[in-house]
Amino acid sequence: MTASQQAHSVRVAIPWVTTVARLILGVTLIVAGGLKIGSPAESVVAVKAYQLLPDSVATMVGYGLPILEIVVGVLLVIGLLTRVAAVVGTLLMAAFVFGIAWAWAHGLRIDCGCFGGGGQLPGGQEPQYPLEILRDFGLMLCGAWTVRFASGRFALDSALGLAGRTYQVEEGESY
C-alpha cells in the first residue's frame, strides 16, 4: 500500500472512528445518568462519599449530575452541538478520574456511584479503583477524539450545517 493509499484509508476511517467514539461516550453517559436520575438521594450520597466538596455543593452536584450526563449523552448520540458536548463529556470523565484517584489516594473505601448507588462499601467488598480509572480514562479519550474530529457520521450537526470544518475524502465526498 502506498503512502497516498494509507493516507486515504486514514481519512476515510476518521469519521467512522469518531462516530464510534461519540456513541460510546454518549450512550455511557445516558446509561449512567439514567440509572441515577430515579434515585437522586443516592447520587448525593455518592458525591458526598468522595469528601471533595462541601456538603451544600456536593448536594447540588449530586442532584444535577444525572441531568447533565443525560443531556450531554443525548447530544453526543444525535450529534448535535457535538464538539461542545464532547468537551463537557471529556471534562466530566477527567473529573471522575480525578475523584476516583483522590478516593484511592486518601484510603476511602467507596463505590464510585458511576452507575447508581455509591457511598461506603460494605465490609468485605473491595473498591475497583484501577478498573474504574481505566474505564473513565478510556471514555475521556473517546471524548477528546470527538472534540478533535467533531461530528463523524450520522450527526445532526452535519445535516444542519453546523459541523464546521470538513475534510475532503474523495471527489464530492466530505465529512
C-alpha atoms as a PDB file:
ATOM      1  CA  MET A   1       0.000   0.000   0.000  1.00  0.00           C
ATOM      2  CA  THR A   2       1.443   3.376  -0.967  1.00  0.00           C
ATOM      3  CA  ALA A   3       1.644   6.345   1.358  1.00  0.00           C
ATOM      4  CA  SER A   4      -1.143   8.016  -0.600  1.00  0.00           C
ATOM      5  CA  GLN A   5      -3.392   4.969  -0.218  1.00  0.00           C
ATOM      6  CA  GLN A   6      -2.625   4.793   3.505  1.00  0.00           C
ATOM      7  CA  ALA A   7      -3.443   8.474   3.934  1.00  0.00           C
ATOM      8  CA  HIS A   8      -6.701   7.955   2.042  1.00  0.00           C
ATOM      9  CA  SER A   9      -7.606   4.988   4.256  1.00  0.00           C
ATOM     10  CA  VAL A  10      -6.987   7.071   7.369  1.00  0.00           C
ATOM     11  CA  ARG A  11      -9.109   9.945   6.016  1.00  0.00           C
ATOM     12  CA  VAL A  12     -11.936   7.507   5.273  1.00  0.00           C
ATOM     13  CA  ALA A  13     -11.682   5.854   8.723  1.00  0.00           C
ATOM     14  CA  ILE A  14     -11.620   9.036  10.821  1.00  0.00           C
ATOM     15  CA  PRO A  15     -15.347   9.868  10.589  1.00  0.00           C
ATOM     16  CA  TRP A  16     -16.281   6.267  11.429  1.00  0.00           C
ATOM     17  CA  VAL A  17     -13.912   6.128  14.410  1.00  0.00           C
ATOM     18  CA  THR A  18     -15.289   9.489  15.530  1.00  0.00           C
ATOM     19  CA  THR A  19     -18.850   8.185  15.280  1.00  0.00           C
ATOM     20  CA  VAL A  20     -17.992   5.128  17.380  1.00  0.00           C
ATOM     21  CA  ALA A  21     -16.164   7.260  19.988  1.00  0.00           C
ATOM     22  CA  ARG A  22     -19.075   9.728  20.112  1.00  0.00           C
ATOM     23  CA  LEU A  23     -21.612   6.927  20.563  1.00  0.00           C
ATOM     24  CA  ILE A  24     -19.595   5.066  23.213  1.00  0.00           C
ATOM     25  CA  LEU A  25     -19.269   8.193  25.348  1.00  0.00           C
ATOM     26  CA  GLY A  26     -22.853   9.324  24.680  1.00  0.00           C
ATOM     27  CA  VAL A  27     -24.519   6.002  25.459  1.00  0.00           C
ATOM     28  CA  THR A  28     -22.382   5.551  28.586  1.00  0.00           C
ATOM     29  CA  LEU A  29     -23.421   8.987  29.859  1.00  0.00           C
ATOM     30  CA  ILE A  30     -27.104   8.318  29.125  1.00  0.00           C
ATOM     31  CA  VAL A  31     -26.983   4.972  30.945  1.00  0.00           C
ATOM     32  CA  ALA A  32     -25.065   6.412  33.915  1.00  0.00           C
ATOM     33  CA  GLY A  33     -27.400   9.385  34.245  1.00  0.00           C
ATOM     34  CA  GLY A  34     -30.492   7.271  33.655  1.00  0.00           C
ATOM     35  CA  LEU A  35     -29.555   4.843  36.411  1.00  0.00           C
ATOM     36  CA  LYS A  36     -29.054   7.726  38.854  1.00  0.00           C
ATOM     37  CA  ILE A  37     -31.900  10.058  37.982  1.00  0.00           C
ATOM     38  CA  GLY A  38     -34.563   7.915  39.663  1.00  0.00           C
ATOM     39  CA  SER A  39     -32.663   7.954  42.974  1.00  0.00           C
ATOM     40  CA  PRO A  40     -31.292  11.464  43.430  1.00  0.00           C
ATOM     41  CA  ALA A  41     -30.644  10.903  47.140  1.00  0.00           C
ATOM     42  CA  GLU A  42     -28.265   8.035  46.274  1.00  0.00           C
ATOM     43  CA  SER A  43     -26.490  10.275  43.793  1.00  0.00           C
ATOM     44  CA  VAL A  44     -25.988  12.868  46.535  1.00  0.00           C
ATOM     45  CA  VAL A  45     -24.625  10.174  48.890  1.00  0.00           C
ATOM     46  CA  ALA A  46     -22.220   9.018  46.162  1.00  0.00           C
ATOM     47  CA  VAL A  47     -20.877  12.545  45.562  1.00  0.00           C
ATOM     48  CA  LYS A  48     -20.523  13.230  49.293  1.00  0.00           C
ATOM     49  CA  ALA A  49     -18.628   9.949  49.794  1.00  0.00           C
ATOM     50  CA  TYR A  50     -15.658  11.391  47.876  1.00  0.00           C
ATOM     51  CA  GLN A  51     -15.211  14.040  50.580  1.00  0.00           C
ATOM     52  CA  LEU A  52     -14.038  16.509  47.937  1.00  0.00           C
ATOM     53  CA  LEU A  53     -16.757  19.154  48.091  1.00  0.00           C
ATOM     54  CA  PRO A  54     -18.575  20.998  50.865  1.00  0.00           C
ATOM     55  CA  ASP A  55     -21.893  19.307  51.663  1.00  0.00           C
ATOM     56  CA  SER A  56     -24.021  22.020  50.059  1.00  0.00           C
ATOM     57  CA  VAL A  57     -22.039  21.861  46.799  1.00  0.00           C
ATOM     58  CA  ALA A  58     -21.967  18.057  46.863  1.00  0.00           C
ATOM     59  CA  THR A  59     -25.752  18.063  47.231  1.00  0.00           C
ATOM     60  CA  MET A  60     -26.180  20.333  44.190  1.00  0.00           C
ATOM     61  CA  VAL A  61     -23.734  18.222  42.165  1.00  0.00           C
ATOM     62  CA  GLY A  62     -25.489  15.025  43.234  1.00  0.00           C
ATOM     63  CA  TYR A  63     -28.851  16.308  42.033  1.00  0.00           C
ATOM     64  CA  GLY A  64     -27.551  17.963  38.871  1.00  0.00           C
ATOM     65  CA  LEU A  65     -25.053  15.386  37.636  1.00  0.00           C
ATOM     66  CA  PRO A  66     -27.560  12.809  36.332  1.00  0.00           C
ATOM     67  CA  ILE A  67     -29.378  15.501  34.344  1.00  0.00           C
ATOM     68  CA  LEU A  68     -26.113  16.811  32.892  1.00  0.00           C
ATOM     69  CA  GLU A  69     -24.982  13.290  31.972  1.00  0.00           C
ATOM     70  CA  ILE A  70     -28.240  12.549  30.160  1.00  0.00           C
ATOM     71  CA  VAL A  71     -28.289  15.872  28.273  1.00  0.00           C
ATOM     72  CA  VAL A  72     -24.648  15.597  27.181  1.00  0.00           C
ATOM     73  CA  GLY A  73     -25.142  11.923  26.277  1.00  0.00           C
ATOM     74  CA  VAL A  74     -28.193  12.656  24.121  1.00  0.00           C
ATOM     75  CA  LEU A  75     -26.385  15.498  22.344  1.00  0.00           C
ATOM     76  CA  LEU A  76     -23.493  13.147  21.576  1.00  0.00           C
ATOM     77  CA  VAL A  77     -25.709  10.314  20.355  1.00  0.00           C
ATOM     78  CA  ILE A  78     -27.685  12.540  17.999  1.00  0.00           C
ATOM     79  CA  GLY A  79     -24.592  14.516  17.045  1.00  0.00           C
ATOM     80  CA  LEU A  80     -25.936  17.953  17.919  1.00  0.00           C
ATOM     81  CA  LEU A  81     -23.515  20.567  19.257  1.00  0.00           C
ATOM     82  CA  THR A  82     -21.111  17.674  19.158  1.00  0.00           C
ATOM     83  CA  ARG A  83     -17.867  19.470  19.885  1.00  0.00           C
ATOM     84  CA  VAL A  84     -19.337  21.334  22.878  1.00  0.00           C
ATOM     85  CA  ALA A  85     -20.952  18.159  24.222  1.00  0.00           C
ATOM     86  CA  ALA A  86     -17.678  16.269  23.736  1.00  0.00           C
ATOM     87  CA  VAL A  87     -15.757  18.947  25.661  1.00  0.00           C
ATOM     88  CA  VAL A  88     -18.240  18.691  28.554  1.00  0.00           C
ATOM     89  CA  GLY A  89     -18.154  14.872  28.405  1.00  0.00           C
ATOM     90  CA  THR A  90     -14.354  14.858  28.391  1.00  0.00           C
ATOM     91  CA  LEU A  91     -14.231  17.236  31.360  1.00  0.00           C
ATOM     92  CA  LEU A  92     -16.743  15.058  33.230  1.00  0.00           C
ATOM     93  CA  MET A  93     -14.592  11.984  32.639  1.00  0.00           C
ATOM     94  CA  ALA A  94     -11.455  13.860  33.745  1.00  0.00           C
ATOM     95  CA  ALA A  95     -13.281  14.917  36.932  1.00  0.00           C
ATOM     96  CA  PHE A  96     -14.367  11.317  37.529  1.00  0.00           C
ATOM     97  CA  VAL A  97     -10.796  10.035  37.039  1.00  0.00           C
ATOM     98  CA  PHE A  98      -9.570  12.689  39.472  1.00  0.00           C
ATOM     99  CA  GLY A  99     -12.279  11.872  42.022  1.00  0.00           C
ATOM    100  CA  ILE A 100     -11.633   8.139  41.936  1.00  0.00           C
ATOM    101  CA  ALA A 101      -7.862   8.682  42.183  1.00  0.00           C
ATOM    102  CA  TRP A 102      -8.495  11.055  45.107  1.00  0.00           C
ATOM    103  CA  ALA A 103     -10.604   8.470  46.916  1.00  0.00           C
ATOM    104  CA  TRP A 104      -7.966   5.805  46.309  1.00  0.00           C
ATOM    105  CA  ALA A 105      -5.085   8.053  47.434  1.00  0.00           C
ATOM    106  CA  HIS A 106      -6.961   9.006  50.603  1.00  0.00           C
ATOM    107  CA  GLY A 107      -7.788   5.423  51.535  1.00  0.00           C
ATOM    108  CA  LEU A 108     -11.535   5.794  51.088  1.00  0.00           C
ATOM    109  CA  ARG A 109     -13.458   2.564  50.522  1.00  0.00           C
ATOM    110  CA  ILE A 110     -16.335   3.731  48.383  1.00  0.00           C
ATOM    111  CA  ASP A 111     -18.380   2.653  45.409  1.00  0.00           C
ATOM    112  CA  CYS A 112     -17.769   5.246  42.706  1.00  0.00           C
ATOM    113  CA  GLY A 113     -21.507   5.689  42.156  1.00  0.00           C
ATOM    114  CA  CYS A 114     -20.867   5.938  38.429  1.00  0.00           C
ATOM    115  CA  PHE A 115     -23.886   3.827  37.514  1.00  0.00           C
ATOM    116  CA  GLY A 116     -26.085   4.415  40.533  1.00  0.00           C
ATOM    117  CA  GLY A 117     -25.592   3.541  44.138  1.00  0.00           C
ATOM    118  CA  GLY A 118     -22.423   4.848  45.699  1.00  0.00           C
ATOM    119  CA  GLY A 119     -21.197   5.595  49.167  1.00  0.00           C
ATOM    120  CA  GLN A 120     -19.272   3.441  51.607  1.00  0.00           C
ATOM    121  CA  LEU A 121     -18.632  -0.158  50.583  1.00  0.00           C
ATOM    122  CA  PRO A 122     -19.919  -2.908  52.847  1.00  0.00           C
ATOM    123  CA  GLY A 123     -17.350  -4.928  54.784  1.00  0.00           C
ATOM    124  CA  GLY A 124     -15.503  -7.493  52.694  1.00  0.00           C
ATOM    125  CA  GLN A 125     -16.122  -5.667  49.423  1.00  0.00           C
ATOM    126  CA  GLU A 126     -13.073  -4.095  47.817  1.00  0.00           C
ATOM    127  CA  PRO A 127     -13.068  -0.946  45.672  1.00  0.00           C
ATOM    128  CA  GLN A 128     -12.355  -1.392  41.985  1.00  0.00           C
ATOM    129  CA  TYR A 129     -10.424   1.853  41.571  1.00  0.00           C
ATOM    130  CA  PRO A 130      -7.903   0.752  38.909  1.00  0.00           C
ATOM    131  CA  LEU A 131     -10.656  -0.579  36.616  1.00  0.00           C
ATOM    132  CA  GLU A 132     -12.853   2.474  37.210  1.00  0.00           C
ATOM    133  CA  ILE A 133      -9.980   4.834  36.415  1.00  0.00           C
ATOM    134  CA  LEU A 134      -9.074   2.852  33.286  1.00  0.00           C
ATOM    135  CA  ARG A 135     -12.714   2.852  32.118  1.00  0.00           C
ATOM    136  CA  ASP A 136     -13.167   6.578  32.675  1.00  0.00           C
ATOM    137  CA  PHE A 137      -9.798   7.377  31.098  1.00  0.00           C
ATOM    138  CA  GLY A 138     -10.844   5.410  28.009  1.00  0.00           C
ATOM    139  CA  LEU A 139     -14.109   7.375  27.906  1.00  0.00           C
ATOM    140  CA  MET A 140     -12.110  10.570  28.306  1.00  0.00           C
ATOM    141  CA  LEU A 141     -10.068   9.566  25.238  1.00  0.00           C
ATOM    142  CA  CYS A 142     -13.311   8.970  23.295  1.00  0.00           C
ATOM    143  CA  GLY A 143     -14.379  12.471  24.225  1.00  0.00           C
ATOM    144  CA  ALA A 144     -11.028  14.009  23.305  1.00  0.00           C
ATOM    145  CA  TRP A 145     -11.094  12.240  19.922  1.00  0.00           C
ATOM    146  CA  THR A 146     -14.597  13.585  19.306  1.00  0.00           C
ATOM    147  CA  VAL A 147     -13.513  17.107  20.270  1.00  0.00           C
ATOM    148  CA  ARG A 148     -10.652  16.880  17.780  1.00  0.00           C
ATOM    149  CA  PHE A 149     -12.576  15.393  14.855  1.00  0.00           C
ATOM    150  CA  ALA A 150     -16.100  16.700  15.619  1.00  0.00           C
ATOM    151  CA  SER A 151     -19.279  15.027  14.453  1.00  0.00           C
ATOM    152  CA  GLY A 152     -18.408  11.925  12.464  1.00  0.00           C
ATOM    153  CA  ARG A 153     -21.170  10.175  10.569  1.00  0.00           C
ATOM    154  CA  PHE A 154     -24.942  10.324  11.162  1.00  0.00           C
ATOM    155  CA  ALA A 155     -24.782  13.584  13.125  1.00  0.00           C
ATOM    156  CA  LEU A 156     -27.391  16.327  13.181  1.00  0.00           C
ATOM    157  CA  ASP A 157     -24.575  18.866  13.118  1.00  0.00           C
ATOM    158  CA  SER A 158     -23.787  17.804   9.547  1.00  0.00           C
ATOM    159  CA  ALA A 159     -27.442  17.756   8.467  1.00  0.00           C
ATOM    160  CA  LEU A 160     -27.988  21.241   9.918  1.00  0.00           C
ATOM    161  CA  GLY A 161     -24.753  22.657   8.525  1.00  0.00           C
ATOM    162  CA  LEU A 162     -23.223  23.053  11.990  1.00  0.00           C
ATOM    163  CA  ALA A 163     -20.342  20.618  11.504  1.00  0.00           C
ATOM    164  CA  GLY A 164     -17.773  23.320  10.830  1.00  0.00           C
ATOM    165  CA  ARG A 165     -14.609  22.221   9.059  1.00  0.00           C
ATOM    166  CA  THR A 166     -14.935  19.244   6.741  1.00  0.00           C
ATOM    167  CA  TYR A 167     -12.234  17.107   5.204  1.00  0.00           C
ATOM    168  CA  GLN A 168     -12.210  16.195   1.554  1.00  0.00           C
ATOM    169  CA  VAL A 169     -12.024  12.407   1.173  1.00  0.00           C
ATOM    170  CA  GLU A 170     -12.849  11.862  -2.471  1.00  0.00           C
ATOM    171  CA  GLU A 171     -14.265  13.987  -5.226  1.00  0.00           C
ATOM    172  CA  GLY A 172     -17.600  15.235  -3.927  1.00  0.00           C
ATOM    173  CA  GLU A 173     -17.425  13.436  -0.563  1.00  0.00           C
ATOM    174  CA  SER A 174     -16.582  15.200   2.662  1.00  0.00           C
ATOM    175  CA  TYR A 175     -17.098  14.658   6.360  1.00  0.00           C
END
